[in-house]
């Protein structure tokens, strides 16, 4: 059987990175390695064993069920570990990838139900490490934006804020008054972006879960998107000034990489 080959790009960071479970520090590194899996735009950290409380890692009895997930490895794994810390057990929370670029290093999940805190220097970070090569801008615009799905108009606005984020499609954040919320269904979801903050409101459309979202209190750098609603271009039909855009392909084209209804 031919071995799966996944190319990995790596670079070192000068950030002081720590991961905690309760009052226990599991990872404490001043030279973490950032790496990017092939075709996945979000980086992860890989740590040298000397920066890890290896006494808290126990080999997992078996690999987890199912295929790759947003917070898990994107290629073959040489060893899975459970993390035992502060009276808790985090199953499959760490792994050693079967990749020469990451040989001898261990990666940890950033799933929200795993570690209690991740710190870069003294700032708490959520969801995943910040990419040093990523830029996020939110610019007001007067373009005419329409959003539809299967011929049903979901939004119509001439007052958008365009959010440009490296490696992702442009997102069009629209005033709530310009979105036909009666044609969407509220979803009990919540997600976090290290660059934008917490998205507290989500909506479903027929056949497209978590298709729209809103940030009630975004981080200051993108404050213009506050309380506006954006849609996944990957799942709806967006027209800009009367020109329909092709649906882009991104990591969020697969709905399993979007927030899941927790109701």
Protein backbone atom coordinates (compact mmCIF):
# COMPACT_ATOMS: atom_id res chain seq x y z
CA UNK A 1 0.00 0.00 0.00
CA UNK A 2 1.46 3.34 -1.04
CA UNK A 3 2.20 5.65 1.89
CA UNK A 4 0.30 8.94 1.92
CA UNK A 5 2.59 11.93 1.34
CA UNK A 6 1.57 15.28 2.81
CA UNK A 7 3.94 18.19 2.33
CA UNK A 8 4.52 20.37 5.39
CA UNK A 9 5.97 23.88 5.45
CA UNK A 10 7.70 24.88 8.70
CA UNK A 11 9.27 27.92 10.32
CA UNK A 12 10.30 28.80 13.86
CA UNK A 13 8.66 31.49 15.97
CA UNK A 14 10.17 33.73 18.65
CA UNK A 15 6.92 33.72 20.63
CA UNK A 16 6.74 32.31 24.14
CA UNK A 17 3.91 29.78 23.91
CA UNK A 18 2.21 27.96 26.77
CA UNK A 19 -0.76 25.60 27.09
CA UNK A 20 -2.59 24.98 30.37
CA UNK A 21 -5.11 22.53 31.74
CA UNK A 22 -6.48 24.08 34.90
CA UNK A 23 -3.46 25.15 36.92
CA UNK A 24 -1.06 22.78 35.14
CA UNK A 25 1.23 23.98 32.36
CA UNK A 26 1.56 21.17 29.83
CA UNK A 27 3.58 23.09 27.20
CA UNK A 28 6.09 25.88 27.82
CA UNK A 29 8.15 26.78 24.74
CA UNK A 30 10.24 29.79 23.71
CA UNK A 31 11.08 28.29 20.32
CA UNK A 32 7.90 26.73 18.92
CA UNK A 33 7.78 25.52 15.34
CA UNK A 34 4.91 26.74 13.20
CA UNK A 35 3.82 24.43 10.41
CA UNK A 36 1.27 24.41 7.64
CA UNK A 37 -0.21 21.22 6.23
CA UNK A 38 -0.60 21.01 2.46
CA UNK A 39 -3.84 22.64 1.22
CA UNK A 40 -4.79 23.77 4.75
CA UNK A 41 -4.32 27.52 5.35
CA UNK A 42 -4.25 27.49 9.15
CA UNK A 43 -0.97 26.88 11.02
CA UNK A 44 -0.30 24.71 14.06
CA UNK A 45 2.52 24.51 16.57
CA UNK A 46 4.87 21.54 16.85
CA UNK A 47 6.90 21.38 20.07
CA UNK A 48 10.16 19.78 21.09
CA UNK A 49 9.72 17.19 23.84
CA UNK A 50 11.96 19.22 26.19
CA UNK A 51 9.22 21.91 26.23
CA UNK A 52 6.47 19.44 27.15
CA UNK A 53 5.51 17.78 30.43
CA UNK A 54 5.95 14.37 28.83
CA UNK A 55 4.98 12.71 32.12
CA UNK A 56 1.44 13.97 31.44
CA UNK A 57 1.22 12.32 28.02
CA UNK A 58 0.13 8.69 27.80
CA UNK A 59 0.00 6.75 24.50
CA UNK A 60 -3.61 6.36 23.37
CA UNK A 61 -4.95 2.83 23.23
CA UNK A 62 -6.33 3.29 19.72
CA UNK A 63 -6.66 6.09 17.17
CA UNK A 64 -9.82 8.23 17.25
CA UNK A 65 -12.81 7.25 15.15
CA UNK A 66 -13.57 9.10 11.93
CA UNK A 67 -11.46 11.01 9.45
CA UNK A 68 -9.58 14.30 9.67
CA UNK A 69 -11.20 17.12 11.62
CA UNK A 70 -10.64 20.87 11.74
CA UNK A 71 -8.67 20.65 15.01
CA UNK A 72 -6.90 17.39 14.24
CA UNK A 73 -3.98 16.27 12.06
CA UNK A 74 -4.31 16.44 8.28
CA UNK A 75 -1.90 13.59 7.53
CA UNK A 76 -0.66 10.26 8.91
CA UNK A 77 0.03 10.01 12.64
CA UNK A 78 2.87 7.97 14.13
CA UNK A 79 1.58 8.13 17.72
CA UNK A 80 -1.50 9.47 19.48
CA UNK A 81 -1.41 10.62 23.11
CA UNK A 82 -3.97 11.27 25.84
CA UNK A 83 -3.19 14.20 28.13
CA UNK A 84 -3.64 13.57 31.88
CA UNK A 85 -3.53 16.86 33.78
CA UNK A 86 -5.22 18.60 36.70
CA UNK A 87 -7.52 15.63 37.33
CA UNK A 88 -8.72 15.50 33.70
CA UNK A 89 -8.07 13.21 30.77
CA UNK A 90 -8.03 14.74 27.28
CA UNK A 91 -8.25 11.79 24.86
CA UNK A 92 -6.26 12.07 21.62
CA UNK A 93 -5.29 15.64 22.53
CA UNK A 94 -1.72 15.26 21.24
CA UNK A 95 -0.01 13.45 18.40
CA UNK A 96 3.28 12.92 16.65
CA UNK A 97 2.92 13.26 12.88
CA UNK A 98 4.53 10.77 10.55
CA UNK A 99 6.35 13.52 8.66
CA UNK A 100 10.11 14.10 8.31
CA UNK A 101 9.64 17.88 8.67
CA UNK A 102 8.11 17.33 12.14
CA UNK A 103 10.24 14.43 13.32
CA UNK A 104 10.54 14.25 17.10
CA UNK A 105 7.96 16.99 17.68
CA UNK A 106 4.48 16.81 19.15
CA UNK A 107 1.35 18.76 18.23
CA UNK A 108 -1.66 19.47 20.43
CA UNK A 109 -5.31 20.08 19.66
CA UNK A 110 -6.81 23.55 19.95
CA UNK A 111 -10.37 22.18 20.20
CA UNK A 112 -12.41 24.36 22.58
CA UNK A 113 -13.20 21.46 24.93
CA UNK A 114 -9.52 20.53 25.43
CA UNK A 115 -6.93 22.92 26.90
CA UNK A 116 -8.21 25.71 29.12
CA UNK A 117 -5.70 28.33 27.99
CA UNK A 118 -3.22 28.96 25.20
CA UNK A 119 -0.88 31.92 25.65
CA UNK A 120 1.35 33.71 23.14
CA UNK A 121 3.52 35.79 25.47
CA UNK A 122 0.89 37.11 27.95
CA UNK A 123 -2.01 37.29 25.50
CA UNK A 124 -4.59 34.52 25.47
CA UNK A 125 -5.21 33.05 22.02
CA UNK A 126 -8.08 30.82 20.94
CA UNK A 127 -8.89 28.41 18.09
CA UNK A 128 -5.43 28.24 16.46
CA UNK A 129 -2.10 30.09 16.36
CA UNK A 130 -2.08 33.42 14.59
CA UNK A 131 -0.45 33.24 11.19
CA UNK A 132 2.45 35.72 10.90
CA UNK A 133 1.80 35.96 7.16
CA UNK A 134 -1.94 36.68 7.40
CA UNK A 135 -3.50 40.14 7.12
CA UNK A 136 -7.12 41.06 7.87
CA UNK A 137 -8.74 44.32 6.73
CA UNK A 138 -12.34 45.54 7.06
CA UNK A 139 -13.19 48.31 4.57
CA UNK A 140 -16.52 50.16 4.15
CA UNK A 141 -17.88 50.10 0.61
CA UNK A 142 -20.79 51.34 -1.50
CA UNK A 143 -20.92 48.29 -3.77
CA UNK A 144 -24.32 46.71 -4.37
CA UNK A 145 -24.35 43.20 -2.88
CA UNK A 146 -27.07 40.58 -3.26
CA UNK A 147 -27.05 37.13 -1.69
CA UNK A 148 -29.32 34.33 -2.87
CA UNK A 149 -29.66 30.57 -2.58
CA UNK A 150 -31.62 28.38 -4.99
CA UNK A 151 -33.26 31.50 -6.42
CA UNK A 152 -34.35 32.87 -3.03
CA UNK A 153 -33.02 36.35 -2.19
CA UNK A 154 -31.41 36.35 1.27
CA UNK A 155 -29.87 39.83 1.38
CA UNK A 156 -29.73 43.04 -0.66
CA UNK A 157 -27.43 45.87 0.42
CA UNK A 158 -25.56 48.94 -0.87
CA UNK A 159 -23.81 49.45 2.49
CA UNK A 160 -21.42 46.50 2.91
CA UNK A 161 -18.16 46.21 4.79
CA UNK A 162 -15.71 44.06 2.84
CA UNK A 163 -13.42 41.90 4.93
CA UNK A 164 -10.20 40.84 3.20
CA UNK A 165 -8.36 37.96 4.87
CA UNK A 166 -5.27 36.31 3.42
CA UNK A 167 -5.98 32.87 1.90
CA UNK A 168 -9.77 33.18 2.27
CA UNK A 169 -12.50 34.59 0.02
CA UNK A 170 -13.59 38.20 0.54
CA UNK A 171 -16.48 38.28 3.01
CA UNK A 172 -19.32 40.78 2.65
CA UNK A 173 -20.63 41.98 6.02
CA UNK A 174 -24.09 43.47 5.60
CA UNK A 175 -26.37 45.51 7.89
CA UNK A 176 -28.95 43.31 9.59
CA UNK A 177 -31.72 45.46 8.13
CA UNK A 178 -30.57 44.38 4.65
CA UNK A 179 -30.76 40.64 5.42
CA UNK A 180 -34.05 38.73 5.15
CA UNK A 181 -33.74 36.92 8.46
CA UNK A 182 -37.23 35.42 8.07
CA UNK A 183 -35.75 33.30 5.26
CA UNK A 184 -33.07 31.88 7.56
CA UNK A 185 -33.22 29.75 10.71
CA UNK A 186 -31.30 30.69 13.90
CA UNK A 187 -28.64 28.15 14.88
CA UNK A 188 -27.33 27.70 18.44
CA UNK A 189 -23.68 28.01 17.45
CA UNK A 190 -20.65 29.94 18.63
CA UNK A 191 -17.16 30.12 17.17
CA UNK A 192 -13.94 32.04 17.63
CA UNK A 193 -11.45 33.56 15.21
CA UNK A 194 -8.03 34.68 16.51
CA UNK A 195 -8.25 37.75 14.24
CA UNK A 196 -11.91 38.78 14.57
CA UNK A 197 -13.23 37.54 17.92
CA UNK A 198 -16.33 35.53 18.87
CA UNK A 199 -19.17 34.95 16.42
CA UNK A 200 -22.16 34.61 18.72
CA UNK A 201 -24.99 34.44 16.15
CA UNK A 202 -25.38 31.89 13.36
CA UNK A 203 -28.10 31.09 10.86
CA UNK A 204 -28.89 28.05 8.71
CA UNK A 205 -30.40 27.94 5.25
CA UNK A 206 -32.07 24.90 3.70
CA UNK A 207 -29.30 22.42 2.91
CA UNK A 208 -26.58 24.77 4.15
CA UNK A 209 -25.84 24.68 7.90
CA UNK A 210 -24.24 27.69 9.59
CA UNK A 211 -24.35 29.63 6.32
CA UNK A 212 -24.33 33.08 7.96
CA UNK A 213 -22.89 34.60 11.12
CA UNK A 214 -22.34 37.82 13.05
CA UNK A 215 -19.81 39.24 15.53
CA UNK A 216 -21.51 41.38 18.23
CA UNK A 217 -18.19 42.50 19.75
CA UNK A 218 -15.35 41.98 17.25
CA UNK A 219 -11.74 42.82 18.03
CA UNK A 220 -10.89 46.52 17.51
CA UNK A 221 -8.91 45.93 14.30
CA UNK A 222 -12.12 44.82 12.53
CA UNK A 223 -14.63 46.82 14.58
CA UNK A 224 -16.51 47.88 11.44
CA UNK A 225 -18.11 44.41 11.14
CA UNK A 226 -19.88 44.73 14.53
CA UNK A 227 -23.43 43.29 14.39
CA UNK A 228 -23.28 42.86 10.60
CA UNK A 229 -24.06 39.55 8.91
CA UNK A 230 -21.81 37.67 6.48
CA UNK A 231 -22.43 34.56 4.40
CA UNK A 232 -20.21 31.71 3.31
CA UNK A 233 -19.57 32.55 -0.36
CA UNK A 234 -18.85 28.84 -0.77
CA UNK A 235 -22.54 27.97 -0.28
CA UNK A 236 -24.55 30.93 -1.59
CA UNK A 237 -24.71 32.98 -4.77
CA UNK A 238 -23.28 36.48 -4.31
CA UNK A 239 -23.54 39.23 -6.92
CA UNK A 240 -21.45 42.41 -6.72
CA UNK A 241 -22.75 45.38 -8.71
CA UNK A 242 -24.89 43.00 -10.73
CA UNK A 243 -22.09 40.54 -11.53
CA UNK A 244 -22.52 37.09 -10.04
CA UNK A 245 -19.34 35.75 -8.45
CA UNK A 246 -18.27 32.13 -8.85
CA UNK A 247 -18.49 30.14 -5.65
CA UNK A 248 -14.95 29.89 -4.25
CA UNK A 249 -13.38 26.80 -2.73
CA UNK A 250 -11.87 27.02 0.75
CA UNK A 251 -11.45 24.97 3.91
CA UNK A 252 -15.03 26.02 4.76
CA UNK A 253 -16.48 24.50 1.59
CA UNK A 254 -16.67 21.31 3.65
CA UNK A 255 -19.45 21.99 6.14
CA UNK A 256 -17.75 19.81 8.77
CA UNK A 257 -15.24 22.64 9.17
CA UNK A 258 -18.00 25.05 10.19
CA UNK A 259 -19.55 25.41 13.67
CA UNK A 260 -22.03 22.65 14.52
CA UNK A 261 -25.46 23.36 15.97
CA UNK A 262 -25.22 22.64 19.69
CA UNK A 263 -28.96 22.82 20.43
